[in-house]
Structure formats: C-alpha cells, structure tokens
Amino acid sequence: MLTTILSFDSEDGEFPYGNLVQAANGDFYGTTEQGGAHGYGTIFKITPSGAVTTLFSFDNVHGANPYAGLVLATNGDLYGTADRGGAKGDGTIFKITADGILTTLHSFAGTDGVSPYAGLVQGADGHFYGTTQSGGANNGGTVFKITPNGTLTTLYSLCSETSCTDGSGSVAGLVQAGNGLLYGVAQYGGTSLNCPPARCGTVFSLQ
C-alpha cells in the first residue's frame, strides 16, 4: 500500500528529481530542482512520518536547480551538486550539515566543467567523484575529483578523442567498483554510426 507523506507546494520546493538519503538520525534528506524562497530549488529534511523542514533555499549565488540527490559522507555531512548558479553560472558543489548550514565548495567556470547534473559518489579514499554535462577542455563534459574541503581536480575531459569516440555529455553519476576503478556513462559519442550525428553514447572506466 502506498502512502503519500508530503505534497510539495512550491514554498517548500518543486520537482524533486533526485533520490532521498537517510541520515544517522533517521530523517531523510533531498533536493528539489525549483521552488523555495527564491525559486531556484531547495534542500529539505523530512521525517519518516512526513514532517518536512526546508533547510536551504538556493539563491543562484550558492547554486541553482539541483537535479541530483545528496550523498551522506563518512564525516556526517551531506554533499551535492547544483546544475546552475554559482560565481560563473555554471553550477556548484556544496556541503550541508544535518542542521542546514551550507558551504559552497566549488563554483564551476567552464574550463573545469559546466552543469554537474549528476550527484557525487564518495570513493574509498574519502574524496568525492562526479561528472559534468558539458564544459572542460573540449566542451564534452568532465570527470572530476573534489576533496571534502573543496579542492577540485579535473581527471578527464570527455570528447578528447576524434569525433568524441570516448564519449560526450555525461549526465549520470559514477560508481566505484571493487577493483577501485570508476565507471560511468556518456549519453553521446562512441564509434557506432547507427545513430548520427551525435552517435549512441559510451560506457567508460577511469583509473
């Protein structure tokens, strides 16, 4: 039997695209892509019985339009991405405490990526890994690493190969396999000629 425990009303958010994550306190945390005090989306907390608290309303300065859910880090904080906004308008990476204190860790600026549509994954080394949809050296998106305190490294710029045979435009998150490699997908590129002009996409691994 399905029970609706909350209907969003714009003031507390609109369009929750991302998944929920349950914290150690038993409450769930998530994001909405729009709505909130400024219309740019929210981060919210909801109890299992449906009592919701808006922890943060995005204001474009700290980010805007988060599509992905949050990841609960080993330090107890929650980390996430906003597809737009920030210092250059190209999206942000942020952390937020369980009580709602938000810190912008990184504002994308084109050359290091644009539009981090997907969420983050915390690797075995404690760092976070993710992708951007566009930007980077070839405007095909990037795979990046960011430390818990906000130092970002671009690991790979997609579309580095001729005709983007290595893939382009990643909108999904990464997974770290048991062998330590990161695996992901890109929605365009590859070698097949069966779906021109952008081709059919790729699956990739990254060490």
N, C-alpha and C. Protein backbone atom coordinates (compact mmCIF):
# COMPACT_ATOMS: atom_id res chain seq x y z
N MET A 1 0.84 -1.19 0.00
CA MET A 1 0.00 0.00 0.00
C MET A 1 0.88 1.25 0.00
N LEU A 2 0.60 2.17 -0.88
CA LEU A 2 1.37 3.40 -0.98
C LEU A 2 0.72 4.50 -0.14
N THR A 3 1.56 5.24 0.60
CA THR A 3 1.09 6.36 1.40
C THR A 3 1.86 7.62 1.00
N THR A 4 1.16 8.65 0.56
CA THR A 4 1.79 9.93 0.28
C THR A 4 2.01 10.67 1.59
N ILE A 5 3.26 10.97 1.91
CA ILE A 5 3.54 11.63 3.19
C ILE A 5 3.81 13.12 3.01
N LEU A 6 3.97 13.59 1.77
CA LEU A 6 4.17 15.02 1.54
C LEU A 6 3.80 15.37 0.11
N SER A 7 3.09 16.47 -0.09
CA SER A 7 2.88 17.06 -1.40
C SER A 7 3.54 18.44 -1.39
N PHE A 8 4.51 18.65 -2.25
CA PHE A 8 5.20 19.93 -2.30
C PHE A 8 4.25 21.03 -2.78
N ASP A 9 4.46 22.24 -2.27
CA ASP A 9 3.55 23.34 -2.57
C ASP A 9 4.27 24.57 -3.11
N SER A 10 5.45 24.39 -3.66
CA SER A 10 6.30 25.45 -4.23
C SER A 10 7.08 26.20 -3.16
N GLU A 11 6.44 26.58 -2.06
CA GLU A 11 7.18 27.26 -1.00
C GLU A 11 8.25 26.36 -0.40
N ASP A 12 7.95 25.07 -0.29
CA ASP A 12 8.94 24.13 0.24
C ASP A 12 9.65 23.37 -0.89
N GLY A 13 9.39 23.75 -2.14
CA GLY A 13 10.10 23.15 -3.26
C GLY A 13 9.18 22.67 -4.36
N GLU A 14 9.77 22.49 -5.54
CA GLU A 14 9.08 21.92 -6.69
C GLU A 14 10.01 20.96 -7.42
N PHE A 15 9.46 19.89 -7.91
CA PHE A 15 10.16 18.95 -8.78
C PHE A 15 11.35 18.28 -8.10
N PRO A 16 11.10 17.35 -7.18
CA PRO A 16 12.19 16.60 -6.55
C PRO A 16 12.67 15.47 -7.46
N TYR A 17 13.65 15.76 -8.29
CA TYR A 17 14.17 14.78 -9.24
C TYR A 17 15.06 13.73 -8.57
N GLY A 18 15.85 14.14 -7.60
CA GLY A 18 16.86 13.26 -7.03
C GLY A 18 16.31 12.33 -5.96
N ASN A 19 17.11 11.33 -5.64
CA ASN A 19 16.74 10.36 -4.62
C ASN A 19 16.93 10.93 -3.22
N LEU A 20 16.30 10.28 -2.25
CA LEU A 20 16.49 10.62 -0.84
C LEU A 20 17.66 9.84 -0.26
N VAL A 21 18.22 10.37 0.82
CA VAL A 21 19.23 9.65 1.58
C VAL A 21 18.84 9.73 3.05
N GLN A 22 18.98 8.63 3.76
CA GLN A 22 18.63 8.60 5.18
C GLN A 22 19.89 8.79 6.02
N ALA A 23 19.83 9.75 6.92
CA ALA A 23 20.97 10.05 7.79
C ALA A 23 20.90 9.21 9.07
N ALA A 24 21.93 9.31 9.87
CA ALA A 24 22.01 8.52 11.10
C ALA A 24 20.90 8.87 12.08
N ASN A 25 20.35 10.09 11.96
CA ASN A 25 19.26 10.49 12.87
C ASN A 25 17.91 9.92 12.46
N GLY A 26 17.87 9.18 11.36
CA GLY A 26 16.64 8.55 10.90
C GLY A 26 15.83 9.37 9.93
N ASP A 27 16.15 10.65 9.80
CA ASP A 27 15.44 11.52 8.86
C ASP A 27 16.00 11.36 7.45
N PHE A 28 15.20 11.77 6.48
CA PHE A 28 15.59 11.71 5.08
C PHE A 28 15.93 13.12 4.58
N TYR A 29 16.87 13.18 3.64
CA TYR A 29 17.31 14.45 3.08
C TYR A 29 17.23 14.38 1.56
N GLY A 30 16.83 15.49 0.94
CA GLY A 30 16.71 15.52 -0.51
C GLY A 30 16.73 16.92 -1.05
N THR A 31 16.55 17.03 -2.36
CA THR A 31 16.59 18.31 -3.05
C THR A 31 15.37 18.46 -3.95
N THR A 32 15.02 19.70 -4.25
CA THR A 32 14.05 19.98 -5.31
C THR A 32 14.72 20.89 -6.33
N GLU A 33 14.33 20.72 -7.57
CA GLU A 33 15.01 21.44 -8.65
C GLU A 33 14.57 22.89 -8.76
N GLN A 34 13.35 23.18 -8.33
CA GLN A 34 12.84 24.54 -8.35
C GLN A 34 12.08 24.82 -7.04
N GLY A 35 11.48 25.98 -6.96
CA GLY A 35 10.71 26.35 -5.78
C GLY A 35 11.58 26.86 -4.66
N GLY A 36 10.98 27.00 -3.50
CA GLY A 36 11.67 27.57 -2.35
C GLY A 36 11.55 29.08 -2.34
N ALA A 37 12.28 29.71 -1.45
CA ALA A 37 12.16 31.15 -1.22
C ALA A 37 12.55 31.98 -2.43
N HIS A 38 13.46 31.45 -3.29
CA HIS A 38 13.95 32.23 -4.42
C HIS A 38 13.62 31.61 -5.77
N GLY A 39 12.99 30.45 -5.75
CA GLY A 39 12.61 29.79 -6.99
C GLY A 39 13.66 28.92 -7.62
N TYR A 40 14.84 28.80 -6.99
CA TYR A 40 15.96 28.05 -7.57
C TYR A 40 16.13 26.65 -6.98
N GLY A 41 15.18 26.21 -6.18
CA GLY A 41 15.28 24.88 -5.60
C GLY A 41 15.61 24.91 -4.12
N THR A 42 15.52 23.75 -3.49
CA THR A 42 15.70 23.64 -2.05
C THR A 42 16.46 22.38 -1.67
N ILE A 43 16.93 22.38 -0.43
CA ILE A 43 17.35 21.17 0.28
C ILE A 43 16.41 21.02 1.46
N PHE A 44 15.86 19.83 1.63
CA PHE A 44 14.87 19.62 2.68
C PHE A 44 15.20 18.39 3.51
N LYS A 45 14.63 18.38 4.69
CA LYS A 45 14.67 17.22 5.59
C LYS A 45 13.23 16.80 5.85
N ILE A 46 12.99 15.50 5.85
CA ILE A 46 11.65 15.00 6.13
C ILE A 46 11.74 13.79 7.04
N THR A 47 10.88 13.75 8.02
CA THR A 47 10.84 12.61 8.94
C THR A 47 10.10 11.45 8.27
N PRO A 48 10.26 10.24 8.78
CA PRO A 48 9.53 9.11 8.20
C PRO A 48 8.01 9.28 8.21
N SER A 49 7.50 10.13 9.11
CA SER A 49 6.06 10.36 9.17
C SER A 49 5.61 11.52 8.30
N GLY A 50 6.56 12.28 7.71
CA GLY A 50 6.19 13.31 6.75
C GLY A 50 6.33 14.74 7.19
N ALA A 51 6.93 15.01 8.33
CA ALA A 51 7.15 16.39 8.76
C ALA A 51 8.36 16.95 8.03
N VAL A 52 8.16 17.97 7.19
CA VAL A 52 9.22 18.48 6.33
C VAL A 52 9.77 19.80 6.87
N THR A 53 11.08 19.98 6.72
CA THR A 53 11.76 21.22 7.05
C THR A 53 12.61 21.63 5.86
N THR A 54 12.43 22.85 5.38
CA THR A 54 13.31 23.37 4.34
C THR A 54 14.60 23.85 5.00
N LEU A 55 15.69 23.17 4.68
CA LEU A 55 16.99 23.52 5.28
C LEU A 55 17.67 24.66 4.55
N PHE A 56 17.48 24.72 3.22
CA PHE A 56 18.17 25.75 2.44
C PHE A 56 17.40 26.00 1.16
N SER A 57 17.23 27.29 0.82
CA SER A 57 16.66 27.68 -0.46
C SER A 57 17.77 28.25 -1.33
N PHE A 58 18.01 27.64 -2.47
CA PHE A 58 19.06 28.12 -3.35
C PHE A 58 18.73 29.51 -3.87
N ASP A 59 19.78 30.34 -3.99
CA ASP A 59 19.61 31.75 -4.33
C ASP A 59 20.40 32.15 -5.57
N ASN A 60 20.84 31.16 -6.33
CA ASN A 60 21.65 31.35 -7.53
C ASN A 60 23.11 31.66 -7.19
N VAL A 61 23.36 32.40 -6.13
CA VAL A 61 24.74 32.70 -5.73
C VAL A 61 25.44 31.42 -5.25
N HIS A 62 24.75 30.65 -4.42
CA HIS A 62 25.30 29.39 -3.91
C HIS A 62 25.01 28.21 -4.83
N GLY A 63 24.31 28.47 -5.91
CA GLY A 63 23.91 27.41 -6.83
C GLY A 63 22.43 27.53 -7.15
N ALA A 64 22.01 26.80 -8.16
CA ALA A 64 20.61 26.82 -8.59
C ALA A 64 20.27 25.51 -9.28
N ASN A 65 19.02 25.09 -9.10
CA ASN A 65 18.47 23.94 -9.84
C ASN A 65 19.23 22.64 -9.62
N PRO A 66 19.25 22.14 -8.39
CA PRO A 66 19.87 20.83 -8.16
C PRO A 66 18.97 19.70 -8.64
N TYR A 67 19.47 18.92 -9.58
CA TYR A 67 18.71 17.77 -10.08
C TYR A 67 18.98 16.51 -9.27
N ALA A 68 20.19 16.36 -8.80
CA ALA A 68 20.60 15.11 -8.16
C ALA A 68 20.30 15.13 -6.67
N GLY A 69 20.24 13.94 -6.09
CA GLY A 69 20.12 13.81 -4.66
C GLY A 69 21.45 14.07 -3.96
N LEU A 70 21.43 13.91 -2.67
CA LEU A 70 22.61 14.15 -1.84
C LEU A 70 23.31 12.84 -1.52
N VAL A 71 24.57 12.93 -1.13
CA VAL A 71 25.30 11.78 -0.64
C VAL A 71 25.71 12.06 0.80
N LEU A 72 25.48 11.09 1.67
CA LEU A 72 25.87 11.20 3.08
C LEU A 72 27.32 10.76 3.21
N ALA A 73 28.17 11.69 3.61
CA ALA A 73 29.60 11.40 3.72
C ALA A 73 29.92 10.71 5.03
N THR A 74 31.11 10.16 5.09
CA THR A 74 31.54 9.47 6.30
C THR A 74 31.71 10.41 7.48
N ASN A 75 31.87 11.72 7.20
CA ASN A 75 32.00 12.70 8.28
C ASN A 75 30.65 13.18 8.81
N GLY A 76 29.56 12.67 8.24
CA GLY A 76 28.22 13.02 8.70
C GLY A 76 27.58 14.17 7.96
N ASP A 77 28.34 14.89 7.14
CA ASP A 77 27.77 15.97 6.33
C ASP A 77 27.19 15.40 5.04
N LEU A 78 26.35 16.20 4.39
CA LEU A 78 25.74 15.84 3.12
C LEU A 78 26.38 16.67 2.01
N TYR A 79 26.66 16.03 0.88
CA TYR A 79 27.32 16.69 -0.24
C TYR A 79 26.45 16.56 -1.48
N GLY A 80 26.48 17.61 -2.32
CA GLY A 80 25.66 17.57 -3.52
C GLY A 80 26.12 18.54 -4.58
N THR A 81 25.36 18.58 -5.67
CA THR A 81 25.67 19.44 -6.81
C THR A 81 24.44 20.25 -7.17
N ALA A 82 24.68 21.44 -7.70
CA ALA A 82 23.63 22.27 -8.29
C ALA A 82 23.98 22.50 -9.75
N ASP A 83 23.03 22.25 -10.63
CA ASP A 83 23.29 22.26 -12.06
C ASP A 83 23.67 23.63 -12.59
N ARG A 84 23.15 24.67 -11.97
CA ARG A 84 23.40 26.04 -12.42
C ARG A 84 23.81 26.92 -11.25
N GLY A 85 24.01 28.20 -11.53
CA GLY A 85 24.33 29.16 -10.49
C GLY A 85 25.78 29.11 -10.07
N GLY A 86 26.09 29.82 -9.01
CA GLY A 86 27.47 29.95 -8.57
C GLY A 86 28.12 31.18 -9.17
N ALA A 87 29.40 31.32 -8.95
CA ALA A 87 30.12 32.52 -9.34
C ALA A 87 30.08 32.79 -10.84
N LYS A 88 30.07 31.73 -11.66
CA LYS A 88 30.07 31.88 -13.12
C LYS A 88 28.76 31.41 -13.76
N GLY A 89 27.83 30.93 -12.96
CA GLY A 89 26.57 30.43 -13.50
C GLY A 89 26.63 29.02 -14.04
N ASP A 90 27.77 28.35 -13.86
CA ASP A 90 27.98 27.03 -14.46
C ASP A 90 27.76 25.87 -13.50
N GLY A 91 27.24 26.16 -12.30
CA GLY A 91 26.96 25.11 -11.34
C GLY A 91 27.92 25.10 -10.17
N THR A 92 27.53 24.38 -9.12
CA THR A 92 28.33 24.35 -7.90
C THR A 92 28.37 22.95 -7.29
N ILE A 93 29.31 22.77 -6.39
CA ILE A 93 29.37 21.64 -5.47
C ILE A 93 29.28 22.21 -4.08
N PHE A 94 28.48 21.61 -3.22
CA PHE A 94 28.27 22.15 -1.88
C PHE A 94 28.24 21.04 -0.85
N LYS A 95 28.38 21.43 0.41
CA LYS A 95 28.11 20.53 1.51
C LYS A 95 27.14 21.23 2.44
N ILE A 96 26.35 20.44 3.15
CA ILE A 96 25.40 20.99 4.10
C ILE A 96 25.35 20.07 5.30
N THR A 97 25.33 20.66 6.47
CA THR A 97 25.24 19.87 7.68
C THR A 97 23.81 19.39 7.88
N ALA A 98 23.62 18.44 8.75
CA ALA A 98 22.29 17.92 9.04
C ALA A 98 21.38 18.99 9.62
N ASP A 99 21.96 20.06 10.15
CA ASP A 99 21.18 21.17 10.71
C ASP A 99 20.93 22.29 9.70
N GLY A 100 21.51 22.19 8.50
CA GLY A 100 21.19 23.15 7.46
C GLY A 100 22.22 24.23 7.19
N ILE A 101 23.44 24.08 7.66
CA ILE A 101 24.49 25.07 7.37
C ILE A 101 25.17 24.68 6.06
N LEU A 102 25.01 25.50 5.03
CA LEU A 102 25.52 25.18 3.69
C LEU A 102 26.81 25.93 3.40
N THR A 103 27.75 25.22 2.78
CA THR A 103 29.01 25.80 2.32
C THR A 103 29.20 25.47 0.86
N THR A 104 29.42 26.48 0.02
CA THR A 104 29.75 26.24 -1.38
C THR A 104 31.22 25.86 -1.47
N LEU A 105 31.49 24.65 -1.95
CA LEU A 105 32.86 24.17 -2.03
C LEU A 105 33.53 24.54 -3.34
N HIS A 106 32.75 24.61 -4.43
CA HIS A 106 33.34 24.90 -5.73
C HIS A 106 32.29 25.47 -6.67
N SER A 107 32.66 26.50 -7.41
CA SER A 107 31.84 27.05 -8.49
C SER A 107 32.52 26.72 -9.81
N PHE A 108 31.82 26.01 -10.68
CA PHE A 108 32.40 25.66 -11.97
C PHE A 108 32.52 26.90 -12.84
N ALA A 109 33.52 26.87 -13.73
CA ALA A 109 33.84 28.06 -14.52
C ALA A 109 34.14 27.73 -15.97
N GLY A 110 33.49 26.71 -16.50
CA GLY A 110 33.63 26.39 -17.92
C GLY A 110 34.76 25.45 -18.21
N THR A 111 36.00 25.87 -18.01
CA THR A 111 37.14 25.04 -18.35
C THR A 111 37.23 23.80 -17.46
N ASP A 112 36.68 23.87 -16.25
CA ASP A 112 36.67 22.71 -15.36
C ASP A 112 35.32 21.99 -15.37
N GLY A 113 34.43 22.41 -16.26
CA GLY A 113 33.13 21.76 -16.39
C GLY A 113 31.98 22.73 -16.29
N VAL A 114 30.85 22.32 -16.85
CA VAL A 114 29.61 23.09 -16.81
C VAL A 114 28.46 22.11 -16.56
N SER A 115 27.58 22.48 -15.67
CA SER A 115 26.36 21.70 -15.40
C SER A 115 26.63 20.32 -14.80
N PRO A 116 26.95 20.28 -13.51
CA PRO A 116 27.06 18.99 -12.81
C PRO A 116 25.67 18.43 -12.52
N TYR A 117 25.09 17.81 -13.51
CA TYR A 117 23.71 17.31 -13.45
C TYR A 117 23.57 16.17 -12.44
N ALA A 118 24.57 15.31 -12.41
CA ALA A 118 24.52 14.12 -11.57
C ALA A 118 25.04 14.39 -10.17
N GLY A 119 24.77 13.47 -9.28
CA GLY A 119 25.25 13.56 -7.91
C GLY A 119 26.68 13.06 -7.78
N LEU A 120 27.16 13.06 -6.55
CA LEU A 120 28.52 12.66 -6.24
C LEU A 120 28.55 11.24 -5.67
N VAL A 121 29.71 10.63 -5.73
CA VAL A 121 29.96 9.38 -5.02
C VAL A 121 31.23 9.57 -4.21
N GLN A 122 31.22 9.09 -2.97
CA GLN A 122 32.43 9.18 -2.15
C GLN A 122 33.26 7.92 -2.35
N GLY A 123 34.50 8.12 -2.76
CA GLY A 123 35.38 6.99 -3.01
C GLY A 123 35.98 6.41 -1.75
N ALA A 124 36.67 5.31 -1.93
CA ALA A 124 37.32 4.64 -0.80
C ALA A 124 38.40 5.52 -0.18
N ASP A 125 38.92 6.48 -0.95
CA ASP A 125 39.95 7.38 -0.44
C ASP A 125 39.37 8.58 0.31
N GLY A 126 38.03 8.65 0.42
CA GLY A 126 37.39 9.74 1.14
C GLY A 126 37.05 10.94 0.27
N HIS A 127 37.57 10.99 -0.95
CA HIS A 127 37.26 12.09 -1.85
C HIS A 127 35.94 11.80 -2.58
N PHE A 128 35.41 12.83 -3.23
CA PHE A 128 34.17 12.70 -3.97
C PHE A 128 34.47 12.77 -5.47
N TYR A 129 33.65 12.04 -6.24
CA TYR A 129 33.85 11.97 -7.68
C TYR A 129 32.53 12.24 -8.38
N GLY A 130 32.61 12.91 -9.54
CA GLY A 130 31.39 13.23 -10.27
C GLY A 130 31.69 13.59 -11.70
N THR A 131 30.64 14.00 -12.41
CA THR A 131 30.73 14.35 -13.82
C THR A 131 30.03 15.68 -14.08
N THR A 132 30.40 16.32 -15.18
CA THR A 132 29.65 17.48 -15.67
C THR A 132 29.15 17.18 -17.08
N GLN A 133 28.04 17.80 -17.43
CA GLN A 133 27.40 17.53 -18.70
C GLN A 133 28.15 18.16 -19.87
N SER A 134 28.74 19.30 -19.66
CA SER A 134 29.46 19.98 -20.72
C SER A 134 30.66 20.71 -20.11
N GLY A 135 31.29 21.58 -20.90
CA GLY A 135 32.48 22.25 -20.42
C GLY A 135 33.70 21.36 -20.48
N GLY A 136 34.76 21.78 -19.85
CA GLY A 136 36.02 21.06 -19.93
C GLY A 136 36.82 21.49 -21.15
N ALA A 137 37.90 20.80 -21.41
CA ALA A 137 38.81 21.18 -22.49
C ALA A 137 38.17 21.11 -23.86
N ASN A 138 37.16 20.23 -24.03
CA ASN A 138 36.57 20.01 -25.35
C ASN A 138 35.07 20.27 -25.38
N ASN A 139 34.56 20.86 -24.30
CA ASN A 139 33.13 21.14 -24.13
C ASN A 139 32.28 19.88 -24.20
N GLY A 140 32.88 18.74 -23.87
CA GLY A 140 32.12 17.50 -23.85
C GLY A 140 31.82 17.00 -22.46
N GLY A 141 32.15 17.83 -21.46
CA GLY A 141 31.95 17.40 -20.08
C GLY A 141 33.23 16.88 -19.46
N THR A 142 33.18 16.66 -18.17
CA THR A 142 34.36 16.23 -17.43
C THR A 142 34.03 15.15 -16.42
N VAL A 143 35.08 14.47 -15.97
CA VAL A 143 35.06 13.64 -14.77
C VAL A 143 36.00 14.31 -13.78
N PHE A 144 35.53 14.51 -12.55
CA PHE A 144 36.33 15.29 -11.60
C PHE A 144 36.40 14.59 -10.24
N LYS A 145 37.38 15.04 -9.46
CA LYS A 145 37.54 14.64 -8.06
C LYS A 145 37.52 15.91 -7.22
N ILE A 146 36.87 15.87 -6.07
CA ILE A 146 36.90 17.00 -5.15
C ILE A 146 37.09 16.49 -3.74
N THR A 147 37.97 17.13 -3.00
CA THR A 147 38.22 16.75 -1.62
C THR A 147 37.07 17.23 -0.74
N PRO A 148 36.93 16.69 0.46
CA PRO A 148 35.86 17.14 1.36
C PRO A 148 35.92 18.62 1.69
N ASN A 149 37.11 19.25 1.57
CA ASN A 149 37.21 20.69 1.87
C ASN A 149 37.18 21.55 0.61
N GLY A 150 37.00 20.94 -0.58
CA GLY A 150 36.71 21.73 -1.76
C GLY A 150 37.80 21.90 -2.80
N THR A 151 38.86 21.12 -2.76
CA THR A 151 39.90 21.20 -3.79
C THR A 151 39.52 20.30 -4.96
N LEU A 152 39.26 20.90 -6.13
CA LEU A 152 38.78 20.15 -7.29
C LEU A 152 39.90 19.86 -8.27
N THR A 153 39.90 18.64 -8.81
CA THR A 153 40.84 18.23 -9.85
C THR A 153 40.05 17.64 -11.01
N THR A 154 40.27 18.13 -12.21
CA THR A 154 39.67 17.53 -13.40
C THR A 154 40.47 16.29 -13.76
N LEU A 155 39.83 15.13 -13.71
CA LEU A 155 40.52 13.88 -14.00
C LEU A 155 40.54 13.58 -15.50
N TYR A 156 39.46 13.98 -16.19
CA TYR A 156 39.39 13.70 -17.62
C TYR A 156 38.39 14.64 -18.27
N SER A 157 38.73 15.15 -19.44
CA SER A 157 37.80 15.92 -20.25
C SER A 157 37.28 15.03 -21.37
N LEU A 158 35.98 14.77 -21.36
CA LEU A 158 35.39 13.93 -22.39
C LEU A 158 35.48 14.60 -23.75
N CYS A 159 35.29 13.81 -24.78
CA CYS A 159 35.44 14.25 -26.17
C CYS A 159 36.89 14.61 -26.49
N SER A 160 37.82 13.96 -25.81
CA SER A 160 39.25 14.20 -26.08
C SER A 160 39.72 13.47 -27.33
N GLU A 161 38.95 12.48 -27.76
CA GLU A 161 39.32 11.72 -28.96
C GLU A 161 38.55 12.25 -30.17
N THR A 162 39.07 12.01 -31.35
CA THR A 162 38.45 12.46 -32.58
C THR A 162 37.02 11.96 -32.69
N SER A 163 36.10 12.86 -33.02
CA SER A 163 34.67 12.55 -33.16
C SER A 163 34.06 12.08 -31.84
N CYS A 164 34.70 12.41 -30.74
CA CYS A 164 34.19 12.06 -29.40
C CYS A 164 33.97 10.56 -29.24
N THR A 165 34.89 9.77 -29.76
CA THR A 165 34.74 8.32 -29.62
C THR A 165 34.85 7.86 -28.18
N ASP A 166 35.39 8.72 -27.30
CA ASP A 166 35.48 8.39 -25.89
C ASP A 166 34.24 8.82 -25.12
N GLY A 167 33.26 9.42 -25.80
CA GLY A 167 32.02 9.82 -25.14
C GLY A 167 31.93 11.31 -24.91
N SER A 168 30.70 11.77 -24.71
CA SER A 168 30.45 13.20 -24.51
C SER A 168 29.13 13.36 -23.78
N GLY A 169 29.09 14.35 -22.88
CA GLY A 169 27.83 14.71 -22.26
C GLY A 169 27.34 13.74 -21.19
N SER A 170 28.10 13.57 -20.14
CA SER A 170 27.69 12.67 -19.06
C SER A 170 26.69 13.36 -18.13
N VAL A 171 25.53 12.75 -17.95
CA VAL A 171 24.52 13.29 -17.05
C VAL A 171 24.23 12.33 -15.90
N ALA A 172 24.98 11.25 -15.81
CA ALA A 172 24.78 10.25 -14.75
C ALA A 172 25.97 10.25 -13.81
N GLY A 173 25.74 9.77 -12.61
CA GLY A 173 26.80 9.68 -11.63
C GLY A 173 27.73 8.52 -11.89
N LEU A 174 28.78 8.45 -11.11
CA LEU A 174 29.78 7.40 -11.20
C LEU A 174 29.56 6.33 -10.13
N VAL A 175 30.16 5.19 -10.35
CA VAL A 175 30.19 4.14 -9.34
C VAL A 175 31.63 3.64 -9.23
N GLN A 176 32.08 3.43 -8.00
CA GLN A 176 33.42 2.87 -7.81
C GLN A 176 33.28 1.37 -7.59
N ALA A 177 33.92 0.62 -8.44
CA ALA A 177 33.83 -0.83 -8.38
C ALA A 177 34.81 -1.41 -7.36
N GLY A 178 34.67 -2.70 -7.14
CA GLY A 178 35.56 -3.37 -6.20
C GLY A 178 37.01 -3.35 -6.61
N ASN A 179 37.26 -3.18 -7.92
CA ASN A 179 38.64 -3.11 -8.39
C ASN A 179 39.25 -1.71 -8.24
N GLY A 180 38.47 -0.78 -7.66
CA GLY A 180 38.96 0.57 -7.43
C GLY A 180 38.73 1.54 -8.56
N LEU A 181 38.33 1.03 -9.75
CA LEU A 181 38.09 1.91 -10.88
C LEU A 181 36.73 2.59 -10.78
N LEU A 182 36.62 3.75 -11.42
CA LEU A 182 35.35 4.45 -11.53
C LEU A 182 34.71 4.09 -12.85
N TYR A 183 33.41 3.83 -12.83
CA TYR A 183 32.68 3.51 -14.05
C TYR A 183 31.55 4.52 -14.24
N GLY A 184 31.30 4.88 -15.50
CA GLY A 184 30.25 5.84 -15.80
C GLY A 184 29.77 5.71 -17.22
N VAL A 185 28.83 6.56 -17.59
CA VAL A 185 28.27 6.55 -18.94
C VAL A 185 28.25 7.97 -19.48
N ALA A 186 28.33 8.08 -20.81
CA ALA A 186 28.18 9.35 -21.52
C ALA A 186 27.06 9.17 -22.54
N GLN A 187 26.18 10.15 -22.62
CA GLN A 187 24.98 9.96 -23.44
C GLN A 187 25.24 10.09 -24.94
N TYR A 188 26.34 10.72 -25.33
CA TYR A 188 26.68 10.89 -26.74
C TYR A 188 28.07 10.33 -27.01
N GLY A 189 28.45 10.31 -28.28
CA GLY A 189 29.77 9.87 -28.67
C GLY A 189 29.85 8.38 -28.87
N GLY A 190 31.07 7.88 -29.00
CA GLY A 190 31.29 6.47 -29.29
C GLY A 190 31.64 6.27 -30.76
N THR A 191 31.66 5.01 -31.18
CA THR A 191 32.11 4.67 -32.53
C THR A 191 30.98 4.24 -33.46
N SER A 192 29.81 3.93 -32.93
CA SER A 192 28.73 3.43 -33.79
C SER A 192 28.21 4.53 -34.71
N LEU A 193 27.90 4.15 -35.94
CA LEU A 193 27.34 5.08 -36.92
C LEU A 193 25.84 4.89 -37.07
N ASN A 194 25.23 4.11 -36.17
CA ASN A 194 23.81 3.79 -36.30
C ASN A 194 22.89 4.88 -35.79
N CYS A 195 23.42 5.87 -35.09
CA CYS A 195 22.57 6.95 -34.58
C CYS A 195 23.27 8.30 -34.72
N PRO A 196 23.44 8.75 -35.98
CA PRO A 196 24.06 10.06 -36.20
C PRO A 196 23.11 11.17 -35.80
N PRO A 197 23.59 12.44 -35.60
CA PRO A 197 25.00 12.81 -35.77
C PRO A 197 25.81 12.68 -34.49
N ALA A 198 25.14 12.53 -33.33
CA ALA A 198 25.87 12.56 -32.06
C ALA A 198 26.37 11.18 -31.63
N ARG A 199 25.94 10.12 -32.35
CA ARG A 199 26.28 8.74 -32.01
C ARG A 199 25.59 8.30 -30.73
N CYS A 200 25.81 7.08 -30.34
CA CYS A 200 24.90 6.42 -29.40
C CYS A 200 25.32 6.45 -27.94
N GLY A 201 26.49 6.97 -27.63
CA GLY A 201 26.93 7.02 -26.24
C GLY A 201 27.92 5.93 -25.89
N THR A 202 28.48 6.03 -24.69
CA THR A 202 29.53 5.10 -24.26
C THR A 202 29.38 4.73 -22.80
N VAL A 203 30.03 3.65 -22.43
CA VAL A 203 30.30 3.29 -21.04
C VAL A 203 31.82 3.35 -20.88
N PHE A 204 32.28 3.97 -19.79
CA PHE A 204 33.72 4.13 -19.64
C PHE A 204 34.16 3.75 -18.23
N SER A 205 35.44 3.48 -18.11
CA SER A 205 36.08 3.28 -16.81
C SER A 205 37.24 4.25 -16.70
N LEU A 206 37.57 4.61 -15.48
CA LEU A 206 38.64 5.58 -15.25
C LEU A 206 39.40 5.19 -14.02
N GLN A 207 40.72 5.16 -14.14
CA GLN A 207 41.57 4.77 -13.02
C GLN A 207 41.98 6.00 -12.21
